[in-house]
Structure formats: C-alpha cells, structure tokens
C-alpha cells in the first residue's frame, strides 16, 4: 500500500480474529462490497449487501475475515486482485 502512496488509517493485527459478526457490522456502513478471491470477483450492493452470501464472500476457510480488507469511502474491498486494485485505487 505504501508503495502505491495509499494512506493506511488503521491496521488490525492478525491476532485479532474478525469473524462473521464483524463482517456484518462492516456491511452496515457500506453501500458496496467487492470480494476478491484470486481472479474471482463478486460485487454486492443494494438488497444483496447484507446477505449471507455477502458475508460468506468476506470470510476465508477458517471463518475469519479475509485480508486485506479495505474501506474506501462506502466501498469495502476484501481480498486481493491486482486488476481491481488498479481500477479502484488508480494505481
């Protein structure tokens, strides 16, 4: 992130395990979720934003929130995909 000159406002250590309830809380303050798993990109907004599918897309196989999780305005980006990061961050 620093190499792309993106300012990090809060870092949560990996020892603090964020799970489904935390993901649901994050979605309450978002208008769009982009969940990235390799080349698979899932977007949720409107009625689908608070769905079980949206929360599941945010979680990894251990049930913890996937990293990185980034809040950009009212958009949440969860996971990593270089093309999507370039589109959303302009890097």
N, C-alpha and C. Protein backbone atom coordinates (compact mmCIF):
# COMPACT_ATOMS: atom_id res chain seq x y z
N UNK A 1 0.81 -1.18 0.00
CA UNK A 1 0.00 0.00 0.00
C UNK A 1 0.87 1.26 0.00
N UNK A 2 1.91 1.24 0.81
CA UNK A 2 2.77 2.41 0.89
C UNK A 2 3.44 2.69 -0.46
N UNK A 3 3.82 1.63 -1.20
CA UNK A 3 4.46 1.81 -2.50
C UNK A 3 3.54 2.51 -3.49
N UNK A 4 2.23 2.34 -3.30
CA UNK A 4 1.25 2.99 -4.17
C UNK A 4 0.76 4.31 -3.60
N UNK A 5 1.39 4.76 -2.51
CA UNK A 5 1.04 6.01 -1.84
C UNK A 5 -0.41 6.03 -1.35
N UNK A 6 -0.84 4.88 -0.83
CA UNK A 6 -2.17 4.77 -0.23
C UNK A 6 -2.00 4.88 1.28
N UNK A 7 -2.67 5.85 1.87
CA UNK A 7 -2.55 6.08 3.30
C UNK A 7 -3.36 5.05 4.08
N UNK A 8 -2.73 4.37 5.03
CA UNK A 8 -3.40 3.40 5.88
C UNK A 8 -3.77 4.10 7.18
N UNK A 9 -5.08 4.15 7.48
CA UNK A 9 -5.55 4.85 8.68
C UNK A 9 -5.64 3.93 9.88
N UNK A 10 -5.90 2.63 9.66
CA UNK A 10 -6.00 1.70 10.78
C UNK A 10 -5.51 0.33 10.32
N UNK A 11 -4.69 -0.29 11.14
CA UNK A 11 -4.22 -1.64 10.89
C UNK A 11 -4.67 -2.50 12.05
N UNK A 12 -5.27 -3.65 11.73
CA UNK A 12 -5.72 -4.58 12.76
C UNK A 12 -4.77 -5.77 12.73
N UNK A 13 -4.14 -6.11 13.86
CA UNK A 13 -3.20 -7.23 13.86
C UNK A 13 -3.91 -8.56 13.58
N UNK A 14 -3.18 -9.48 12.96
CA UNK A 14 -3.75 -10.79 12.62
C UNK A 14 -4.19 -11.56 13.86
N UNK A 15 -3.63 -11.24 15.01
CA UNK A 15 -4.02 -11.94 16.24
C UNK A 15 -5.45 -11.60 16.66
N UNK A 16 -5.98 -10.50 16.15
CA UNK A 16 -7.37 -10.13 16.43
C UNK A 16 -8.23 -10.72 15.33
N UNK A 17 -8.89 -11.81 15.62
CA UNK A 17 -9.66 -12.55 14.64
C UNK A 17 -11.03 -11.90 14.44
N UNK A 18 -11.28 -11.40 13.23
CA UNK A 18 -12.56 -10.82 12.88
C UNK A 18 -13.37 -11.88 12.16
N UNK A 19 -14.62 -12.08 12.58
CA UNK A 19 -15.42 -13.16 12.03
C UNK A 19 -16.72 -12.64 11.43
N UNK A 20 -17.70 -13.52 11.24
CA UNK A 20 -18.95 -13.18 10.53
C UNK A 20 -19.67 -11.99 11.15
N UNK A 21 -19.75 -11.92 12.46
CA UNK A 21 -20.45 -10.80 13.11
C UNK A 21 -19.75 -9.48 12.80
N UNK A 22 -18.42 -9.50 12.79
CA UNK A 22 -17.65 -8.30 12.46
C UNK A 22 -17.87 -7.90 11.00
N UNK A 23 -17.92 -8.90 10.12
CA UNK A 23 -18.17 -8.63 8.70
C UNK A 23 -19.54 -7.99 8.53
N UNK A 24 -20.55 -8.52 9.22
CA UNK A 24 -21.90 -7.96 9.16
C UNK A 24 -21.93 -6.52 9.63
N UNK A 25 -21.19 -6.21 10.69
CA UNK A 25 -21.12 -4.84 11.20
C UNK A 25 -20.49 -3.90 10.16
N UNK A 26 -19.46 -4.37 9.48
CA UNK A 26 -18.82 -3.55 8.45
C UNK A 26 -19.78 -3.26 7.31
N UNK A 27 -20.58 -4.24 6.94
CA UNK A 27 -21.52 -4.08 5.83
C UNK A 27 -22.62 -3.07 6.14
N UNK A 28 -22.94 -2.88 7.43
CA UNK A 28 -23.97 -1.92 7.82
C UNK A 28 -23.60 -0.49 7.41
N UNK A 29 -22.31 -0.23 7.28
CA UNK A 29 -21.82 1.12 6.96
C UNK A 29 -21.33 1.23 5.52
N UNK A 30 -21.60 0.22 4.71
CA UNK A 30 -21.12 0.21 3.33
C UNK A 30 -22.30 0.28 2.37
N UNK A 31 -22.01 0.75 1.16
CA UNK A 31 -23.03 0.74 0.10
C UNK A 31 -22.65 -0.26 -0.99
N UNK A 32 -21.41 -0.77 -0.93
CA UNK A 32 -20.95 -1.72 -1.94
C UNK A 32 -19.84 -2.59 -1.36
N UNK A 33 -19.85 -3.87 -1.71
CA UNK A 33 -18.81 -4.81 -1.31
C UNK A 33 -18.23 -5.43 -2.58
N UNK A 34 -16.91 -5.41 -2.68
CA UNK A 34 -16.22 -6.12 -3.74
C UNK A 34 -15.36 -7.16 -3.04
N UNK A 35 -15.72 -8.45 -3.21
CA UNK A 35 -14.99 -9.55 -2.60
C UNK A 35 -14.12 -10.19 -3.67
N UNK A 36 -12.84 -10.28 -3.38
CA UNK A 36 -11.86 -10.74 -4.36
C UNK A 36 -11.21 -12.03 -3.86
N UNK A 37 -11.28 -13.07 -4.66
CA UNK A 37 -10.62 -14.33 -4.36
C UNK A 37 -9.88 -14.75 -5.62
N UNK A 38 -8.61 -14.35 -5.72
CA UNK A 38 -7.85 -14.62 -6.93
C UNK A 38 -8.46 -13.88 -8.10
N UNK A 39 -8.83 -14.58 -9.14
CA UNK A 39 -9.45 -13.95 -10.31
C UNK A 39 -10.97 -13.83 -10.17
N UNK A 40 -11.54 -14.47 -9.15
CA UNK A 40 -12.99 -14.39 -8.94
C UNK A 40 -13.33 -13.09 -8.22
N UNK A 41 -14.25 -12.33 -8.82
CA UNK A 41 -14.67 -11.05 -8.25
C UNK A 41 -16.18 -11.11 -8.06
N UNK A 42 -16.63 -10.86 -6.82
CA UNK A 42 -18.06 -10.82 -6.52
C UNK A 42 -18.40 -9.43 -6.00
N UNK A 43 -19.42 -8.82 -6.58
CA UNK A 43 -19.85 -7.50 -6.12
C UNK A 43 -21.25 -7.60 -5.54
N UNK A 44 -21.45 -6.94 -4.41
CA UNK A 44 -22.74 -6.92 -3.72
C UNK A 44 -23.11 -5.48 -3.44
N UNK A 45 -24.34 -5.12 -3.70
CA UNK A 45 -24.87 -3.80 -3.33
C UNK A 45 -26.38 -3.91 -3.22
N UNK A 46 -27.00 -2.89 -2.67
CA UNK A 46 -28.45 -2.91 -2.52
C UNK A 46 -28.91 -4.01 -1.58
N UNK A 47 -29.94 -4.74 -1.99
CA UNK A 47 -30.53 -5.78 -1.14
C UNK A 47 -29.59 -6.93 -0.86
N UNK A 48 -28.62 -7.19 -1.73
CA UNK A 48 -27.71 -8.33 -1.52
C UNK A 48 -26.57 -8.01 -0.57
N UNK A 49 -26.41 -6.73 -0.21
CA UNK A 49 -25.26 -6.32 0.59
C UNK A 49 -25.19 -6.99 1.96
N UNK A 50 -26.31 -7.15 2.63
CA UNK A 50 -26.29 -7.76 3.97
C UNK A 50 -26.60 -9.24 3.95
N UNK A 51 -26.56 -9.86 2.78
CA UNK A 51 -26.94 -11.27 2.66
C UNK A 51 -25.88 -12.20 3.24
N UNK A 52 -26.30 -13.43 3.48
CA UNK A 52 -25.37 -14.45 3.96
C UNK A 52 -24.28 -14.70 2.92
N UNK A 53 -24.62 -14.59 1.63
CA UNK A 53 -23.63 -14.77 0.57
C UNK A 53 -22.56 -13.68 0.63
N UNK A 54 -22.96 -12.45 0.91
CA UNK A 54 -22.00 -11.35 1.00
C UNK A 54 -21.06 -11.58 2.18
N UNK A 55 -21.62 -11.97 3.32
CA UNK A 55 -20.77 -12.22 4.49
C UNK A 55 -19.84 -13.39 4.22
N UNK A 56 -20.35 -14.46 3.61
CA UNK A 56 -19.52 -15.63 3.30
C UNK A 56 -18.38 -15.26 2.35
N UNK A 57 -18.63 -14.34 1.42
CA UNK A 57 -17.60 -13.92 0.48
C UNK A 57 -16.47 -13.17 1.17
N UNK A 58 -16.75 -12.60 2.34
CA UNK A 58 -15.75 -11.85 3.08
C UNK A 58 -14.86 -12.75 3.95
N UNK A 59 -15.29 -13.98 4.16
CA UNK A 59 -14.60 -14.87 5.09
C UNK A 59 -13.75 -15.90 4.36
N UNK A 60 -12.64 -16.25 4.98
CA UNK A 60 -11.78 -17.29 4.44
C UNK A 60 -12.21 -18.65 4.94
N UNK A 61 -11.45 -19.70 4.63
CA UNK A 61 -11.80 -21.06 5.01
C UNK A 61 -11.83 -21.30 6.51
N UNK A 62 -11.14 -20.46 7.28
CA UNK A 62 -11.13 -20.61 8.74
C UNK A 62 -12.30 -19.89 9.40
N UNK A 63 -13.07 -19.14 8.61
CA UNK A 63 -14.19 -18.38 9.16
C UNK A 63 -13.81 -16.98 9.59
N UNK A 64 -12.57 -16.61 9.35
CA UNK A 64 -12.09 -15.28 9.70
C UNK A 64 -12.13 -14.37 8.48
N UNK A 65 -12.22 -13.07 8.74
CA UNK A 65 -12.23 -12.07 7.68
C UNK A 65 -10.97 -12.19 6.84
N UNK A 66 -11.13 -12.17 5.53
CA UNK A 66 -10.00 -12.28 4.61
C UNK A 66 -9.23 -10.96 4.59
N UNK A 67 -7.96 -11.07 4.25
CA UNK A 67 -7.09 -9.90 4.19
C UNK A 67 -6.61 -9.70 2.76
N UNK A 68 -6.33 -8.50 2.38
CA UNK A 68 -6.62 -7.27 3.12
C UNK A 68 -8.10 -6.92 3.02
N UNK A 69 -8.58 -6.19 4.00
CA UNK A 69 -9.92 -5.62 3.99
C UNK A 69 -9.73 -4.11 4.01
N UNK A 70 -10.29 -3.46 3.01
CA UNK A 70 -10.07 -2.03 2.84
C UNK A 70 -11.41 -1.32 2.71
N UNK A 71 -11.56 -0.24 3.46
CA UNK A 71 -12.73 0.62 3.34
C UNK A 71 -12.31 1.84 2.54
N UNK A 72 -12.96 2.02 1.39
CA UNK A 72 -12.67 3.14 0.51
C UNK A 72 -13.97 3.90 0.33
N UNK A 73 -14.16 4.96 1.12
CA UNK A 73 -15.45 5.65 1.14
C UNK A 73 -16.49 4.71 1.71
N UNK A 74 -17.54 4.42 0.95
CA UNK A 74 -18.57 3.48 1.40
C UNK A 74 -18.43 2.12 0.70
N UNK A 75 -17.27 1.90 0.08
CA UNK A 75 -16.99 0.63 -0.60
C UNK A 75 -16.03 -0.20 0.24
N UNK A 76 -16.36 -1.48 0.42
CA UNK A 76 -15.45 -2.42 1.08
C UNK A 76 -14.81 -3.30 0.02
N UNK A 77 -13.51 -3.43 0.07
CA UNK A 77 -12.77 -4.37 -0.77
C UNK A 77 -12.19 -5.42 0.16
N UNK A 78 -12.48 -6.68 -0.11
CA UNK A 78 -12.00 -7.77 0.73
C UNK A 78 -11.25 -8.75 -0.15
N UNK A 79 -9.99 -9.01 0.19
CA UNK A 79 -9.17 -9.89 -0.61
C UNK A 79 -8.31 -9.08 -1.56
N UNK A 80 -7.65 -9.77 -2.49
CA UNK A 80 -6.74 -9.06 -3.38
C UNK A 80 -6.89 -9.54 -4.81
N UNK A 81 -6.93 -8.58 -5.73
CA UNK A 81 -6.91 -8.82 -7.17
C UNK A 81 -6.26 -7.58 -7.78
N UNK A 82 -5.13 -7.77 -8.42
CA UNK A 82 -4.34 -6.63 -8.91
C UNK A 82 -5.13 -5.73 -9.86
N UNK A 83 -5.92 -6.31 -10.76
CA UNK A 83 -6.69 -5.50 -11.72
C UNK A 83 -7.73 -4.63 -11.01
N UNK A 84 -8.42 -5.20 -10.03
CA UNK A 84 -9.45 -4.45 -9.31
C UNK A 84 -8.81 -3.35 -8.46
N UNK A 85 -7.68 -3.65 -7.83
CA UNK A 85 -6.99 -2.62 -7.05
C UNK A 85 -6.58 -1.46 -7.95
N UNK A 86 -6.08 -1.77 -9.14
CA UNK A 86 -5.69 -0.72 -10.09
C UNK A 86 -6.91 0.12 -10.47
N UNK A 87 -8.06 -0.53 -10.69
CA UNK A 87 -9.28 0.19 -11.08
C UNK A 87 -9.79 1.07 -9.93
N UNK A 88 -9.85 0.51 -8.73
CA UNK A 88 -10.44 1.24 -7.58
C UNK A 88 -9.51 2.31 -7.02
N UNK A 89 -8.19 2.04 -7.03
CA UNK A 89 -7.24 2.96 -6.43
C UNK A 89 -6.49 3.79 -7.47
N UNK A 90 -6.63 3.45 -8.73
CA UNK A 90 -5.93 4.19 -9.77
C UNK A 90 -4.43 4.04 -9.72
N UNK A 91 -3.97 2.87 -9.27
CA UNK A 91 -2.51 2.63 -9.19
C UNK A 91 -2.07 1.63 -10.23
